[in-house]
Amino acid sequence: MEAKKLNTGLRDAISWLPDEVLGKILSLLPTKQAASTSVLAKKWRHVFRLVHTLDFDDSVLLQPEEGKEECPVIRESFRNFVERTLALQCGSPINNFSLKFQIHERKEMSYLFSWICNALERGVLEMSLSLERKKHELFLPSELLTSKTLVKLTLGTQIYLEKFPTNVSLPALKSLVIDSVFFEGDDLCGVLLRGCPLLEELYVRHEKIEGTPYCICSPTIKKLSVYYDFELLRGGMSFDTPSLVSLSYRDYALEEYTDVNLASLVEARLDIHYSKWIQDPDLSGLITGISNIQTLHLSPASADVIARCVEDGLVLPVFNNLVKLSFGSYNERGWKLLPYLLKQSPKLETLIIQLYIFNKQKHSERISSLQMLRG
């Protein structure tokens, strides 16, 4: 009998925890599970209002059979769940709001706008939107670009942003992730980044040419990641980022790199591939721009492209501050670059050589690395 009472007490022990602690525990659970606790008792309805992290993901919907549309009843169920969950919280503050949503019908745009604005009105700090729309362009509410509380914003994918309003203002934003968001003209640097006076981290990824920004300009960002996975017929790239400390750049070699301002750069990771369309790329602006770095990581593709440029007359600058170099190549041309690069790096202390073998399916595969230290 005593054991039975003890077990009953243990099962209910969690109810004796302070509401603030219970709210933090529920924030660690998937939103659907956390929301389900509100039916346990009136106390738990109040506790759920203390959940400051909401994550909605429609990918849990049943997948339609091939050739058939997704069941409207299931999509309606997801919409009802989101709206019930938001209503349960009665406008309480929210720190993190994440939404993964595929839009099939025009009316679903209004639902999307309502959910985003609900989070914004509650002072959300971090927002992640992974969106996709069938057949038509997808737009976002203008309120998203004037939030006074957002610290981190993640946007993707296949989003077309109309001409930006002139009042873009995100005064608290420090981190911006852009995955396949299509801009008009200079809207990324000229409008959006200009409205982010405290921005420190920027991630930009594109797999299509349309709407891709080829100028990154910001006086404040310290960490920049650019990943472009397509070939241009012509064009160039510029980096006007005087406060940048860390750069990760993947692209196909372009015709030129102009207005490269990387005065504070400490570390760079380059993964630049040779393009069959631009057979005479000019990397001189980029290489000169990174010449003050302390750590450099060169992929085999980068080594090949730089070596090609050297054969065409590129003179490598002296890397006076370079102390750590990671280098790899999968052809003879790339390995010929290494002695020249070492000669131009008088203060180099650590050399990491990445060894690769050719693989028909993966193109190349790293098999080992060799680290050499200069005493």
Protein backbone atom coordinates (compact mmCIF):
# COMPACT_ATOMS: atom_id res chain seq x y z
CA MET A 1 0.00 0.00 0.00
CA GLU A 2 2.77 2.38 0.92
CA ALA A 3 4.57 1.59 -2.37
CA LYS A 4 1.39 2.39 -4.32
CA LYS A 5 1.09 5.79 -2.62
CA LEU A 6 4.76 6.51 -3.29
CA ASN A 7 4.43 5.74 -6.99
CA THR A 8 1.33 7.96 -7.28
CA GLY A 9 3.24 10.78 -5.65
CA LEU A 10 6.17 10.39 -8.00
CA ARG A 11 3.93 10.49 -11.05
CA ASP A 12 2.45 13.83 -9.91
CA ALA A 13 5.68 15.34 -8.59
CA ILE A 14 6.19 17.41 -11.74
CA SER A 15 3.02 19.39 -10.98
CA TRP A 16 4.69 20.79 -7.86
CA LEU A 17 7.44 22.47 -9.84
CA PRO A 18 7.21 26.27 -10.28
CA ASP A 19 5.26 27.33 -13.36
CA GLU A 20 8.33 29.05 -14.83
CA VAL A 21 10.27 25.78 -14.67
CA LEU A 22 7.38 23.85 -16.22
CA GLY A 23 7.23 26.41 -19.02
CA LYS A 24 10.92 25.89 -19.80
CA ILE A 25 10.45 22.11 -19.78
CA LEU A 26 7.53 22.35 -22.22
CA SER A 27 9.62 24.65 -24.46
CA LEU A 28 12.02 21.74 -24.97
CA LEU A 29 9.24 19.50 -26.28
CA PRO A 30 7.83 19.49 -29.83
CA THR A 31 5.11 22.15 -29.96
CA LYS A 32 2.37 19.60 -30.66
CA GLN A 33 3.24 17.64 -27.52
CA ALA A 34 3.59 20.77 -25.40
CA ALA A 35 0.20 22.07 -26.57
CA SER A 36 -1.46 18.74 -25.74
CA THR A 37 -0.73 19.30 -22.04
CA SER A 38 -3.28 22.12 -21.97
CA VAL A 39 -6.11 19.57 -21.83
CA LEU A 40 -4.82 18.03 -18.59
CA ALA A 41 -6.15 20.74 -16.29
CA LYS A 42 -6.68 24.52 -16.04
CA LYS A 43 -3.23 24.83 -14.46
CA TRP A 44 -1.58 23.46 -17.59
CA ARG A 45 -3.40 25.94 -19.80
CA HIS A 46 -1.69 28.68 -17.84
CA VAL A 47 1.66 26.87 -18.00
CA PHE A 48 1.47 26.56 -21.78
CA ARG A 49 1.34 30.36 -22.00
CA LEU A 50 4.86 30.33 -20.56
CA VAL A 51 6.19 28.32 -23.53
CA HIS A 52 8.37 30.75 -25.48
CA THR A 53 9.37 28.46 -28.37
CA LEU A 54 6.91 27.47 -31.10
CA ASP A 55 7.82 25.15 -33.98
CA PHE A 56 5.25 24.36 -36.67
CA ASP A 57 6.16 21.91 -39.43
CA ASP A 58 3.68 20.78 -42.07
CA SER A 59 6.09 18.13 -43.40
CA VAL A 60 4.51 15.75 -40.87
CA LEU A 61 1.43 15.74 -43.10
CA LEU A 62 0.71 12.50 -44.92
CA GLN A 63 2.37 12.43 -48.32
CA PRO A 64 -0.11 12.25 -51.24
CA GLU A 65 -0.10 9.37 -53.65
CA GLU A 66 1.74 10.04 -56.88
CA GLY A 67 -0.37 12.10 -59.25
CA LYS A 68 -2.91 13.13 -56.58
CA GLU A 69 -3.27 16.37 -54.67
CA GLU A 70 -2.62 16.41 -50.96
CA CYS A 71 -5.77 15.82 -48.94
CA PRO A 72 -7.40 19.23 -48.12
CA VAL A 73 -8.67 17.81 -44.82
CA ILE A 74 -5.13 17.18 -43.62
CA ARG A 75 -4.02 20.70 -44.60
CA GLU A 76 -7.03 22.16 -42.81
CA SER A 77 -6.09 20.15 -39.73
CA PHE A 78 -2.60 21.71 -39.73
CA ARG A 79 -4.04 25.23 -40.07
CA ASN A 80 -6.46 24.62 -37.19
CA PHE A 81 -3.63 23.30 -35.02
CA VAL A 82 -1.49 26.41 -35.60
CA GLU A 83 -4.34 28.79 -34.89
CA ARG A 84 -5.50 26.90 -31.77
CA THR A 85 -1.96 26.87 -30.44
CA LEU A 86 -1.50 30.60 -30.97
CA ALA A 87 -4.89 31.28 -29.36
CA LEU A 88 -4.02 29.15 -26.30
CA GLN A 89 -1.11 31.44 -25.53
CA CYS A 90 -3.32 34.53 -25.36
CA GLY A 91 -0.66 36.85 -26.76
CA SER A 92 2.07 35.93 -24.24
CA PRO A 93 5.67 36.87 -25.19
CA ILE A 94 7.54 34.54 -27.56
CA ASN A 95 11.26 34.11 -28.12
CA ASN A 96 11.47 31.64 -31.01
CA PHE A 97 8.99 31.09 -33.83
CA SER A 98 9.70 28.50 -36.54
CA LEU A 99 7.36 27.69 -39.43
CA LYS A 100 7.76 25.21 -42.27
CA PHE A 101 4.81 25.55 -44.60
CA GLN A 102 4.02 24.65 -48.21
CA ILE A 103 1.34 26.87 -49.75
CA HIS A 104 -1.02 25.34 -52.29
CA GLU A 105 -3.88 27.84 -52.50
CA ARG A 106 -4.01 31.63 -52.58
CA LYS A 107 -6.17 31.81 -49.43
CA GLU A 108 -3.35 30.17 -47.47
CA MET A 109 -1.29 33.32 -47.96
CA SER A 110 -3.64 35.15 -45.60
CA TYR A 111 -3.15 32.44 -42.97
CA LEU A 112 0.62 32.79 -43.34
CA PHE A 113 0.49 36.58 -42.94
CA SER A 114 -1.69 36.22 -39.83
CA TRP A 115 0.67 33.74 -38.14
CA ILE A 116 3.77 35.82 -38.86
CA CYS A 117 2.16 39.03 -37.63
CA ASN A 118 0.94 37.24 -34.48
CA ALA A 119 4.53 36.32 -33.60
CA LEU A 120 5.79 39.82 -34.42
CA GLU A 121 3.17 41.45 -32.20
CA ARG A 122 4.35 39.27 -29.32
CA GLY A 123 7.94 40.55 -29.56
CA VAL A 124 9.52 37.48 -31.16
CA LEU A 125 13.34 37.43 -31.00
CA GLU A 126 14.16 34.65 -33.49
CA MET A 127 12.05 33.74 -36.52
CA SER A 128 12.67 30.96 -39.05
CA LEU A 129 10.45 30.70 -42.14
CA SER A 130 10.93 27.77 -44.51
CA LEU A 131 8.28 28.36 -47.13
CA GLU A 132 7.35 27.08 -50.56
CA ARG A 133 4.47 27.95 -52.83
CA LYS A 134 3.17 25.80 -55.67
CA LYS A 135 2.73 27.53 -59.05
CA HIS A 136 2.82 31.17 -57.87
CA GLU A 137 5.22 33.65 -56.29
CA LEU A 138 5.36 33.89 -52.51
CA PHE A 139 5.47 37.21 -50.69
CA LEU A 140 5.92 38.22 -47.06
CA PRO A 141 4.12 40.83 -44.93
CA SER A 142 5.76 44.24 -44.77
CA GLU A 143 5.57 44.11 -40.95
CA LEU A 144 8.39 41.57 -41.03
CA LEU A 145 10.79 44.25 -42.29
CA THR A 146 10.04 46.75 -39.52
CA SER A 147 10.31 44.53 -36.42
CA LYS A 148 11.96 46.25 -33.47
CA THR A 149 12.62 43.00 -31.60
CA LEU A 150 13.96 40.46 -34.14
CA VAL A 151 17.53 39.40 -33.37
CA LYS A 152 17.76 36.48 -35.83
CA LEU A 153 15.82 35.99 -39.06
CA THR A 154 15.94 32.95 -41.35
CA LEU A 155 14.16 33.13 -44.73
CA GLY A 156 13.79 30.43 -47.37
CA THR A 157 13.03 29.05 -49.89
CA GLN A 158 11.94 30.21 -53.36
CA ILE A 159 10.63 33.49 -51.93
CA TYR A 160 10.19 36.44 -54.27
CA LEU A 161 10.35 39.76 -52.48
CA GLU A 162 8.66 42.70 -54.18
CA LYS A 163 10.38 46.07 -54.43
CA PHE A 164 11.35 46.87 -50.87
CA PRO A 165 9.65 49.75 -49.06
CA THR A 166 11.94 52.61 -48.07
CA ASN A 167 11.13 52.21 -44.38
CA VAL A 168 12.90 48.87 -43.85
CA SER A 169 14.17 48.93 -40.26
CA LEU A 170 15.41 45.96 -38.21
CA PRO A 171 17.35 47.80 -35.48
CA ALA A 172 17.98 44.72 -33.28
CA LEU A 173 18.81 42.16 -36.00
CA LYS A 174 22.23 40.53 -35.60
CA SER A 175 21.90 37.37 -37.72
CA LEU A 176 20.29 37.01 -41.16
CA VAL A 177 19.99 33.75 -43.12
CA ILE A 178 18.77 33.96 -46.74
CA ASP A 179 18.19 30.71 -48.61
CA SER A 180 16.99 31.15 -52.20
CA VAL A 181 15.28 34.50 -51.66
CA PHE A 182 15.02 36.44 -54.90
CA PHE A 183 15.72 40.18 -54.79
CA GLU A 184 15.11 42.98 -57.24
CA GLY A 185 18.18 44.99 -58.23
CA ASP A 186 20.17 46.29 -55.26
CA ASP A 187 17.49 45.61 -52.65
CA LEU A 188 19.69 43.30 -50.53
CA CYS A 189 22.49 45.79 -49.90
CA GLY A 190 20.83 49.07 -50.79
CA VAL A 191 17.69 48.55 -48.70
CA LEU A 192 17.62 45.44 -46.49
CA LEU A 193 21.19 45.44 -45.15
CA ARG A 194 21.12 49.20 -44.81
CA GLY A 195 18.16 48.79 -42.47
CA CYS A 196 20.13 46.42 -40.20
CA PRO A 197 22.61 48.66 -38.32
CA LEU A 198 23.70 45.92 -35.87
CA LEU A 199 23.95 42.97 -38.27
CA GLU A 200 26.93 40.70 -37.51
CA GLU A 201 26.25 37.42 -39.37
CA LEU A 202 24.97 36.96 -42.93
CA TYR A 203 24.37 33.68 -44.77
CA VAL A 204 23.32 33.78 -48.44
CA ARG A 205 22.59 30.66 -50.51
CA HIS A 206 21.29 30.36 -54.08
CA GLU A 207 20.95 27.56 -56.60
CA LYS A 208 19.41 29.69 -59.37
CA ILE A 209 20.65 32.80 -61.17
CA GLU A 210 17.41 34.77 -60.92
CA GLY A 211 17.42 37.40 -58.19
CA THR A 212 20.87 36.50 -56.89
CA PRO A 213 22.81 39.38 -55.27
CA TYR A 214 26.36 39.86 -56.58
CA CYS A 215 27.30 42.68 -54.24
CA ILE A 216 27.58 42.17 -50.49
CA CYS A 217 27.91 45.52 -48.77
CA SER A 218 27.69 46.09 -45.02
CA PRO A 219 29.88 48.06 -42.60
CA THR A 220 28.98 45.86 -39.62
CA ILE A 221 28.92 42.16 -40.54
CA LYS A 222 31.72 40.05 -39.05
CA LYS A 223 30.84 36.60 -40.40
CA LEU A 224 29.76 36.01 -44.00
CA SER A 225 28.85 32.77 -45.81
CA VAL A 226 28.04 32.86 -49.53
CA TYR A 227 27.11 29.66 -51.38
CA TYR A 228 26.21 29.91 -55.08
CA ASP A 229 25.73 26.70 -57.04
CA PHE A 230 25.29 27.73 -60.68
CA GLU A 231 27.39 29.10 -63.54
CA LEU A 232 27.08 32.62 -64.96
CA LEU A 233 27.76 33.49 -68.58
CA ARG A 234 29.44 36.70 -67.42
CA GLY A 235 29.62 38.99 -64.42
CA GLY A 236 31.55 39.77 -61.26
CA MET A 237 31.30 39.95 -57.48
CA SER A 238 32.14 42.57 -54.89
CA PHE A 239 32.61 42.40 -51.12
CA ASP A 240 32.46 45.76 -49.35
CA THR A 241 32.64 44.48 -45.78
CA PRO A 242 35.36 46.32 -43.82
CA SER A 243 34.48 44.70 -40.46
CA LEU A 244 34.38 41.13 -41.76
CA VAL A 245 36.43 38.64 -39.73
CA SER A 246 35.38 35.30 -41.25
CA LEU A 247 34.49 34.55 -44.89
CA SER A 248 33.21 31.29 -46.39
CA TYR A 249 32.73 31.60 -50.15
CA ARG A 250 31.59 28.96 -52.64
CA ASP A 251 30.99 29.92 -56.27
CA TYR A 252 32.10 29.46 -59.84
CA ALA A 253 35.01 31.70 -60.84
CA LEU A 254 33.78 35.01 -62.24
CA GLU A 255 35.11 37.53 -64.73
CA GLU A 256 36.27 39.93 -62.03
CA TYR A 257 36.11 40.82 -58.36
CA THR A 258 35.83 44.56 -57.86
CA ASP A 259 35.40 46.75 -54.78
CA VAL A 260 36.80 44.08 -52.47
CA ASN A 261 37.16 45.61 -49.01
CA LEU A 262 38.14 42.94 -46.47
CA ALA A 263 40.43 45.00 -44.25
CA SER A 264 39.62 43.12 -41.01
CA LEU A 265 39.50 39.58 -42.42
CA VAL A 266 41.20 36.91 -40.29
CA GLU A 267 40.00 33.62 -41.80
CA ALA A 268 38.77 32.61 -45.27
CA ARG A 269 37.40 29.39 -46.74
CA LEU A 270 37.39 29.39 -50.53
CA ASP A 271 35.65 26.79 -52.67
CA ILE A 272 35.79 28.33 -56.15
CA HIS A 273 35.11 26.14 -59.15
CA TYR A 274 36.17 26.54 -62.77
CA SER A 275 33.34 27.51 -65.11
CA LYS A 276 33.06 26.28 -68.67
CA TRP A 277 31.40 29.59 -69.57
CA ILE A 278 33.99 31.99 -68.10
CA GLN A 279 37.27 30.50 -69.30
CA ASP A 280 39.45 33.48 -68.32
CA PRO A 281 38.37 34.43 -64.79
CA ASP A 282 40.17 37.24 -63.01
CA LEU A 283 40.67 36.45 -59.31
CA SER A 284 43.23 39.20 -58.69
CA GLY A 285 40.79 41.45 -56.79
CA LEU A 286 39.69 38.63 -54.49
CA ILE A 287 43.20 37.27 -53.83
CA THR A 288 44.55 40.73 -53.09
CA GLY A 289 41.55 41.40 -50.85
CA ILE A 290 42.30 38.39 -48.62
CA SER A 291 46.09 38.88 -48.54
CA ASN A 292 46.08 40.05 -44.88
CA ILE A 293 44.40 36.94 -43.46
CA GLN A 294 45.89 34.66 -40.81
CA THR A 295 44.11 31.39 -41.76
CA LEU A 296 43.29 30.20 -45.28
CA HIS A 297 41.44 27.06 -46.36
CA LEU A 298 41.65 26.24 -50.08
CA SER A 299 39.54 23.46 -51.57
CA PRO A 300 40.95 21.39 -54.46
CA ALA A 301 38.67 23.26 -56.85
CA SER A 302 40.05 26.59 -55.62
CA ALA A 303 43.63 25.40 -56.01
CA ASP A 304 42.90 24.40 -59.61
CA VAL A 305 41.27 27.74 -60.50
CA ILE A 306 44.01 29.84 -58.84
CA ALA A 307 46.67 27.75 -60.59
CA ARG A 308 44.96 28.40 -63.93
CA CYS A 309 44.99 32.13 -63.21
CA VAL A 310 48.69 31.99 -62.27
CA GLU A 311 49.40 30.30 -65.62
CA ASP A 312 47.57 33.20 -67.27
CA GLY A 313 49.69 35.81 -65.48
CA LEU A 314 48.23 36.25 -61.99
CA VAL A 315 50.93 37.30 -59.50
CA LEU A 316 50.18 36.18 -55.97
CA PRO A 317 50.60 38.86 -53.29
CA VAL A 318 52.72 38.28 -50.21
CA PHE A 319 50.59 36.89 -47.37
CA ASN A 320 52.47 38.62 -44.56
CA ASN A 321 50.08 37.53 -41.78
CA LEU A 322 49.28 33.99 -42.93
CA VAL A 323 50.19 31.47 -40.20
CA LYS A 324 47.87 28.55 -41.06
CA LEU A 325 47.14 27.09 -44.48
CA SER A 326 44.91 24.13 -45.39
CA PHE A 327 45.54 22.99 -48.95
CA GLY A 328 44.28 20.19 -51.15
CA SER A 329 44.33 19.27 -54.82
CA TYR A 330 43.23 16.45 -57.08
CA ASN A 331 45.41 17.28 -60.10
CA GLU A 332 49.01 18.14 -60.99
CA ARG A 333 48.17 21.74 -61.81
CA GLY A 334 46.94 22.38 -58.28
CA TRP A 335 49.98 20.82 -56.62
CA LYS A 336 52.26 23.06 -58.65
CA LEU A 337 50.61 26.03 -56.96
CA LEU A 338 51.62 24.95 -53.46
CA PRO A 339 55.39 25.82 -53.62
CA TYR A 340 54.55 29.26 -55.01
CA LEU A 341 52.01 29.84 -52.27
CA LEU A 342 54.49 28.77 -49.58
CA LYS A 343 57.08 31.16 -50.99
CA GLN A 344 54.58 34.03 -50.65
CA SER A 345 53.80 33.13 -47.02
CA PRO A 346 56.92 34.01 -44.97
CA LYS A 347 55.27 33.62 -41.54
CA LEU A 348 53.46 30.34 -42.17
CA GLU A 349 53.57 28.05 -39.11
CA THR A 350 51.04 25.32 -39.88
CA LEU A 351 50.42 23.59 -43.20
CA ILE A 352 47.60 21.05 -43.47
CA ILE A 353 47.71 19.03 -46.68
CA GLN A 354 44.49 17.32 -47.69
CA LEU A 355 45.01 14.22 -49.84
CA TYR A 356 42.29 13.21 -52.30
CA ILE A 357 41.59 10.34 -54.64
CA PHE A 358 39.39 10.56 -57.71
CA ASN A 359 35.98 8.98 -57.40
CA LYS A 360 33.69 8.80 -60.45
CA GLN A 361 30.54 9.17 -58.37
CA LYS A 362 31.69 11.77 -55.84
CA HIS A 363 34.24 13.43 -58.13
CA SER A 364 36.77 13.42 -55.31
CA GLU A 365 37.06 11.99 -51.85
CA ARG A 366 39.37 13.09 -49.05
CA ILE A 367 41.33 10.15 -47.72
CA SER A 368 43.70 11.74 -45.24
CA SER A 369 45.34 14.96 -44.08
CA LEU A 370 48.92 15.74 -43.16
CA GLN A 371 49.75 18.53 -40.76
CA MET A 372 53.16 20.13 -40.91
CA LEU A 373 54.44 22.59 -38.31
CA ARG A 374 57.20 25.09 -38.76
CA GLY A 375 59.44 25.18 -35.71
